[in-house]
Amino acid sequence: SRKEVFDRARQRMQDGVGICIFPEGGVSDDLNVVLDPFKDGAFRLAIEHQIPLLPVTLYDNKKRFPFHFWNGSPGIMRAETHLPIETVGMKVVEDKARFRESVRNIILHSLEKA
């Protein structure tokens, strides 16, 4: 369940382990969608733990890992690591939606430029 995954991620972070979260929650089967809306989990965790979030744009994700399993292919996976975004002082209720959308915009603009 989504809650179980969230709880496991929270525990790993409390243990000092870094995690990677794909905030879209999946890969859209609509190839016209550049970037699906983001879910809240990654942003809530970062704010709750007051740790920086490091946005990463994966340019070839849909090509390498499409919704239809047999359509993927091996090859180069280009990635751009953006500047970390600090969460110190952010509050979940007040800042989560703005934070989520700002990170989505960083990644979306990179994908649109590619």
N, C-alpha and C. Protein backbone atom coordinates (compact mmCIF):
# COMPACT_ATOMS: atom_id res chain seq x y z
N SER A 1 0.84 -1.19 0.00
CA SER A 1 0.00 0.00 0.00
C SER A 1 0.88 1.24 0.00
N ARG A 2 0.31 2.34 -0.42
CA ARG A 2 1.05 3.60 -0.46
C ARG A 2 1.52 4.01 0.94
N LYS A 3 0.67 3.82 1.94
CA LYS A 3 1.04 4.18 3.32
C LYS A 3 2.21 3.34 3.80
N GLU A 4 2.21 2.05 3.49
CA GLU A 4 3.31 1.18 3.91
C GLU A 4 4.63 1.62 3.28
N VAL A 5 4.60 1.97 2.02
CA VAL A 5 5.81 2.44 1.33
C VAL A 5 6.29 3.75 1.97
N PHE A 6 5.35 4.65 2.25
CA PHE A 6 5.69 5.92 2.88
C PHE A 6 6.33 5.68 4.25
N ASP A 7 5.75 4.78 5.04
CA ASP A 7 6.29 4.48 6.37
C ASP A 7 7.68 3.87 6.29
N ARG A 8 7.91 2.99 5.31
CA ARG A 8 9.24 2.39 5.14
C ARG A 8 10.26 3.45 4.73
N ALA A 9 9.86 4.36 3.87
CA ALA A 9 10.77 5.44 3.45
C ALA A 9 11.10 6.33 4.65
N ARG A 10 10.11 6.66 5.44
CA ARG A 10 10.32 7.48 6.64
C ARG A 10 11.31 6.78 7.58
N GLN A 11 11.16 5.49 7.77
CA GLN A 11 12.06 4.75 8.67
C GLN A 11 13.48 4.74 8.14
N ARG A 12 13.64 4.55 6.84
CA ARG A 12 14.98 4.55 6.25
C ARG A 12 15.65 5.92 6.44
N MET A 13 14.88 6.97 6.28
CA MET A 13 15.44 8.31 6.47
C MET A 13 15.82 8.54 7.92
N GLN A 14 15.01 8.05 8.85
CA GLN A 14 15.35 8.16 10.27
C GLN A 14 16.63 7.39 10.59
N ASP A 15 16.88 6.32 9.81
CA ASP A 15 18.09 5.53 9.98
C ASP A 15 19.30 6.16 9.29
N GLY A 16 19.10 7.30 8.62
CA GLY A 16 20.19 8.00 7.96
C GLY A 16 20.47 7.53 6.55
N VAL A 17 19.56 6.79 5.96
CA VAL A 17 19.74 6.27 4.61
C VAL A 17 19.06 7.20 3.61
N GLY A 18 19.78 7.60 2.56
CA GLY A 18 19.18 8.41 1.50
C GLY A 18 18.26 7.57 0.64
N ILE A 19 17.25 8.19 0.09
CA ILE A 19 16.31 7.46 -0.76
C ILE A 19 16.06 8.24 -2.05
N CYS A 20 15.64 7.52 -3.06
CA CYS A 20 15.27 8.13 -4.34
C CYS A 20 13.79 7.84 -4.56
N ILE A 21 13.02 8.88 -4.82
CA ILE A 21 11.58 8.73 -5.02
C ILE A 21 11.21 9.31 -6.39
N PHE A 22 10.41 8.57 -7.13
CA PHE A 22 9.85 9.06 -8.37
C PHE A 22 8.47 9.63 -8.04
N PRO A 23 8.35 10.94 -7.91
CA PRO A 23 7.10 11.53 -7.38
C PRO A 23 5.90 11.42 -8.29
N GLU A 24 6.08 11.02 -9.55
CA GLU A 24 4.92 10.80 -10.42
C GLU A 24 4.14 9.56 -9.98
N GLY A 25 4.80 8.65 -9.35
CA GLY A 25 4.13 7.44 -8.90
C GLY A 25 3.95 6.39 -9.99
N GLY A 26 4.54 6.58 -11.14
CA GLY A 26 4.42 5.60 -12.23
C GLY A 26 4.81 6.23 -13.54
N VAL A 27 4.66 5.49 -14.60
CA VAL A 27 4.96 5.96 -15.95
C VAL A 27 3.65 5.99 -16.74
N SER A 28 3.31 7.14 -17.26
CA SER A 28 2.07 7.29 -18.02
C SER A 28 2.15 6.52 -19.33
N ASP A 29 1.04 5.90 -19.71
CA ASP A 29 1.02 5.21 -21.01
C ASP A 29 0.69 6.17 -22.14
N ASP A 30 0.37 7.41 -21.82
CA ASP A 30 0.11 8.46 -22.82
C ASP A 30 1.43 9.13 -23.15
N LEU A 31 1.96 8.86 -24.32
CA LEU A 31 3.28 9.40 -24.69
C LEU A 31 3.27 10.91 -24.89
N ASN A 32 2.08 11.52 -24.98
CA ASN A 32 2.00 12.97 -25.11
C ASN A 32 2.20 13.69 -23.79
N VAL A 33 2.06 12.98 -22.67
CA VAL A 33 2.26 13.58 -21.35
C VAL A 33 3.76 13.67 -21.10
N VAL A 34 4.25 14.88 -20.94
CA VAL A 34 5.67 15.08 -20.70
C VAL A 34 6.03 14.71 -19.26
N LEU A 35 5.19 15.14 -18.31
CA LEU A 35 5.45 14.87 -16.90
C LEU A 35 4.12 14.89 -16.15
N ASP A 36 3.75 13.76 -15.59
CA ASP A 36 2.51 13.67 -14.82
C ASP A 36 2.58 14.55 -13.57
N PRO A 37 1.42 14.86 -12.99
CA PRO A 37 1.43 15.59 -11.71
C PRO A 37 2.18 14.77 -10.66
N PHE A 38 2.81 15.49 -9.73
CA PHE A 38 3.55 14.83 -8.66
C PHE A 38 2.65 14.53 -7.48
N LYS A 39 2.94 13.45 -6.80
CA LYS A 39 2.27 13.11 -5.55
C LYS A 39 3.04 13.79 -4.41
N ASP A 40 2.45 13.85 -3.24
CA ASP A 40 2.99 14.62 -2.13
C ASP A 40 4.10 13.95 -1.33
N GLY A 41 4.20 12.62 -1.35
CA GLY A 41 5.04 11.89 -0.42
C GLY A 41 6.47 12.37 -0.27
N ALA A 42 7.19 12.52 -1.37
CA ALA A 42 8.59 12.92 -1.30
C ALA A 42 8.76 14.29 -0.66
N PHE A 43 7.84 15.16 -0.94
CA PHE A 43 7.94 16.53 -0.45
C PHE A 43 7.57 16.61 1.03
N ARG A 44 6.60 15.81 1.40
CA ARG A 44 6.22 15.72 2.81
C ARG A 44 7.37 15.16 3.64
N LEU A 45 8.00 14.09 3.14
CA LEU A 45 9.13 13.51 3.87
C LEU A 45 10.28 14.50 4.02
N ALA A 46 10.62 15.18 2.93
CA ALA A 46 11.74 16.14 2.98
C ALA A 46 11.46 17.25 3.98
N ILE A 47 10.23 17.76 3.98
CA ILE A 47 9.88 18.84 4.91
C ILE A 47 9.85 18.31 6.34
N GLU A 48 9.22 17.16 6.57
CA GLU A 48 9.16 16.60 7.92
C GLU A 48 10.53 16.39 8.52
N HIS A 49 11.50 15.95 7.71
CA HIS A 49 12.84 15.67 8.20
C HIS A 49 13.79 16.86 8.04
N GLN A 50 13.28 17.95 7.43
CA GLN A 50 14.07 19.16 7.23
C GLN A 50 15.39 18.85 6.53
N ILE A 51 15.29 18.06 5.45
CA ILE A 51 16.47 17.71 4.67
C ILE A 51 16.31 18.26 3.26
N PRO A 52 17.43 18.55 2.60
CA PRO A 52 17.33 19.06 1.24
C PRO A 52 16.83 18.00 0.27
N LEU A 53 16.19 18.48 -0.77
CA LEU A 53 15.71 17.62 -1.84
C LEU A 53 16.55 17.91 -3.08
N LEU A 54 16.99 16.88 -3.76
CA LEU A 54 17.83 17.03 -4.95
C LEU A 54 17.04 16.61 -6.17
N PRO A 55 16.52 17.58 -6.95
CA PRO A 55 15.78 17.21 -8.17
C PRO A 55 16.73 16.64 -9.23
N VAL A 56 16.26 15.61 -9.91
CA VAL A 56 17.02 14.99 -10.99
C VAL A 56 16.07 14.80 -12.17
N THR A 57 16.50 15.28 -13.34
CA THR A 57 15.73 15.06 -14.57
C THR A 57 16.32 13.86 -15.29
N LEU A 58 15.46 12.89 -15.58
CA LEU A 58 15.85 11.71 -16.34
C LEU A 58 15.25 11.84 -17.74
N TYR A 59 16.09 12.20 -18.69
CA TYR A 59 15.62 12.53 -20.03
C TYR A 59 15.11 11.34 -20.83
N ASP A 60 15.62 10.17 -20.56
CA ASP A 60 15.29 9.01 -21.38
C ASP A 60 14.42 7.99 -20.65
N ASN A 61 13.81 8.40 -19.56
CA ASN A 61 13.06 7.47 -18.72
C ASN A 61 11.92 6.79 -19.49
N LYS A 62 11.12 7.56 -20.23
CA LYS A 62 10.00 6.95 -20.97
C LYS A 62 10.49 6.03 -22.09
N LYS A 63 11.61 6.36 -22.66
CA LYS A 63 12.16 5.54 -23.74
C LYS A 63 12.70 4.22 -23.20
N ARG A 64 13.39 4.26 -22.08
CA ARG A 64 14.00 3.06 -21.50
C ARG A 64 13.01 2.23 -20.69
N PHE A 65 12.05 2.90 -20.01
CA PHE A 65 11.11 2.21 -19.13
C PHE A 65 9.68 2.63 -19.43
N PRO A 66 9.17 2.32 -20.62
CA PRO A 66 7.81 2.73 -20.96
C PRO A 66 6.77 1.92 -20.20
N PHE A 67 5.54 2.39 -20.25
CA PHE A 67 4.44 1.71 -19.58
C PHE A 67 4.28 0.29 -20.11
N HIS A 68 4.43 0.11 -21.41
CA HIS A 68 4.32 -1.22 -22.02
C HIS A 68 5.67 -1.91 -21.93
N PHE A 69 5.72 -2.97 -21.14
CA PHE A 69 6.96 -3.64 -20.77
C PHE A 69 7.86 -3.98 -21.95
N TRP A 70 7.33 -4.55 -22.99
CA TRP A 70 8.16 -5.04 -24.09
C TRP A 70 8.65 -3.94 -25.02
N ASN A 71 8.26 -2.69 -24.80
CA ASN A 71 8.68 -1.59 -25.66
C ASN A 71 9.95 -0.90 -25.17
N GLY A 72 10.47 -1.27 -24.03
CA GLY A 72 11.69 -0.65 -23.50
C GLY A 72 12.91 -1.10 -24.27
N SER A 73 14.02 -0.47 -23.96
CA SER A 73 15.25 -0.86 -24.63
C SER A 73 16.45 -0.48 -23.77
N PRO A 74 17.53 -1.24 -23.90
CA PRO A 74 18.75 -0.86 -23.20
C PRO A 74 19.37 0.35 -23.88
N GLY A 75 20.19 1.06 -23.19
CA GLY A 75 20.87 2.19 -23.80
C GLY A 75 21.27 3.23 -22.78
N ILE A 76 21.73 4.34 -23.27
CA ILE A 76 22.19 5.43 -22.42
C ILE A 76 21.00 6.09 -21.74
N MET A 77 21.17 6.40 -20.47
CA MET A 77 20.14 7.09 -19.68
C MET A 77 20.73 8.44 -19.25
N ARG A 78 20.30 9.48 -19.94
CA ARG A 78 20.82 10.81 -19.62
C ARG A 78 20.11 11.37 -18.39
N ALA A 79 20.89 12.02 -17.51
CA ALA A 79 20.32 12.60 -16.30
C ALA A 79 20.97 13.95 -16.03
N GLU A 80 20.18 14.85 -15.49
CA GLU A 80 20.69 16.15 -15.05
C GLU A 80 20.36 16.31 -13.58
N THR A 81 21.39 16.55 -12.79
CA THR A 81 21.21 16.79 -11.36
C THR A 81 21.13 18.30 -11.16
N HIS A 82 20.05 18.74 -10.56
CA HIS A 82 19.84 20.17 -10.32
C HIS A 82 20.38 20.54 -8.95
N LEU A 83 20.32 21.81 -8.63
CA LEU A 83 20.79 22.26 -7.32
C LEU A 83 19.87 21.75 -6.22
N PRO A 84 20.43 21.39 -5.07
CA PRO A 84 19.59 20.96 -3.95
C PRO A 84 18.69 22.10 -3.48
N ILE A 85 17.52 21.73 -2.98
CA ILE A 85 16.58 22.72 -2.45
C ILE A 85 16.42 22.46 -0.96
N GLU A 86 16.76 23.44 -0.17
CA GLU A 86 16.67 23.33 1.29
C GLU A 86 15.22 23.36 1.75
N THR A 87 14.94 22.63 2.81
CA THR A 87 13.59 22.60 3.37
C THR A 87 13.56 23.16 4.80
N VAL A 88 14.70 23.59 5.31
CA VAL A 88 14.76 24.11 6.67
C VAL A 88 13.78 25.27 6.81
N GLY A 89 12.91 25.17 7.80
CA GLY A 89 11.92 26.21 8.05
C GLY A 89 10.60 26.00 7.34
N MET A 90 10.55 25.06 6.38
CA MET A 90 9.28 24.80 5.69
C MET A 90 8.35 24.02 6.61
N LYS A 91 7.07 24.21 6.40
CA LYS A 91 6.03 23.49 7.15
C LYS A 91 5.21 22.68 6.14
N VAL A 92 4.82 21.46 6.53
CA VAL A 92 4.11 20.57 5.61
C VAL A 92 2.84 21.22 5.10
N VAL A 93 1.99 21.68 5.99
CA VAL A 93 0.69 22.21 5.58
C VAL A 93 0.84 23.47 4.73
N GLU A 94 1.70 24.37 5.15
CA GLU A 94 1.82 25.66 4.47
C GLU A 94 2.63 25.61 3.17
N ASP A 95 3.64 24.76 3.11
CA ASP A 95 4.61 24.85 2.02
C ASP A 95 4.64 23.66 1.04
N LYS A 96 4.02 22.55 1.41
CA LYS A 96 4.16 21.32 0.60
C LYS A 96 3.73 21.50 -0.85
N ALA A 97 2.57 22.08 -1.10
CA ALA A 97 2.06 22.20 -2.47
C ALA A 97 2.96 23.11 -3.31
N ARG A 98 3.37 24.24 -2.76
CA ARG A 98 4.26 25.15 -3.48
C ARG A 98 5.59 24.49 -3.78
N PHE A 99 6.14 23.80 -2.79
CA PHE A 99 7.41 23.10 -2.93
C PHE A 99 7.31 22.03 -4.02
N ARG A 100 6.26 21.21 -3.96
CA ARG A 100 6.04 20.15 -4.94
C ARG A 100 5.99 20.72 -6.35
N GLU A 101 5.22 21.78 -6.54
CA GLU A 101 5.07 22.37 -7.88
C GLU A 101 6.35 23.04 -8.36
N SER A 102 7.12 23.63 -7.44
CA SER A 102 8.37 24.27 -7.86
C SER A 102 9.37 23.23 -8.35
N VAL A 103 9.42 22.08 -7.69
CA VAL A 103 10.32 21.00 -8.13
C VAL A 103 9.83 20.43 -9.46
N ARG A 104 8.53 20.24 -9.59
CA ARG A 104 7.97 19.72 -10.84
C ARG A 104 8.31 20.67 -11.99
N ASN A 105 8.21 21.98 -11.75
CA ASN A 105 8.52 22.96 -12.80
C ASN A 105 9.98 22.91 -13.22
N ILE A 106 10.88 22.70 -12.28
CA ILE A 106 12.31 22.57 -12.61
C ILE A 106 12.51 21.41 -13.59
N ILE A 107 11.93 20.28 -13.26
CA ILE A 107 12.10 19.08 -14.09
C ILE A 107 11.36 19.22 -15.41
N LEU A 108 10.14 19.75 -15.37
CA LEU A 108 9.35 19.92 -16.59
C LEU A 108 10.06 20.85 -17.58
N HIS A 109 10.61 21.97 -17.11
CA HIS A 109 11.31 22.90 -18.01
C HIS A 109 12.54 22.24 -18.63
N SER A 110 13.22 21.41 -17.86
CA SER A 110 14.38 20.69 -18.42
C SER A 110 13.95 19.70 -19.50
N LEU A 111 12.85 18.99 -19.26
CA LEU A 111 12.36 18.03 -20.26
C LEU A 111 11.88 18.74 -21.52
N GLU A 112 11.24 19.89 -21.36
CA GLU A 112 10.74 20.63 -22.54
C GLU A 112 11.87 21.21 -23.37
N LYS A 113 12.99 21.53 -22.75
CA LYS A 113 14.14 22.08 -23.47
C LYS A 113 14.93 21.01 -24.22
N ALA A 114 14.80 19.77 -23.78
CA ALA A 114 15.64 18.68 -24.34
C ALA A 114 15.22 18.33 -25.76
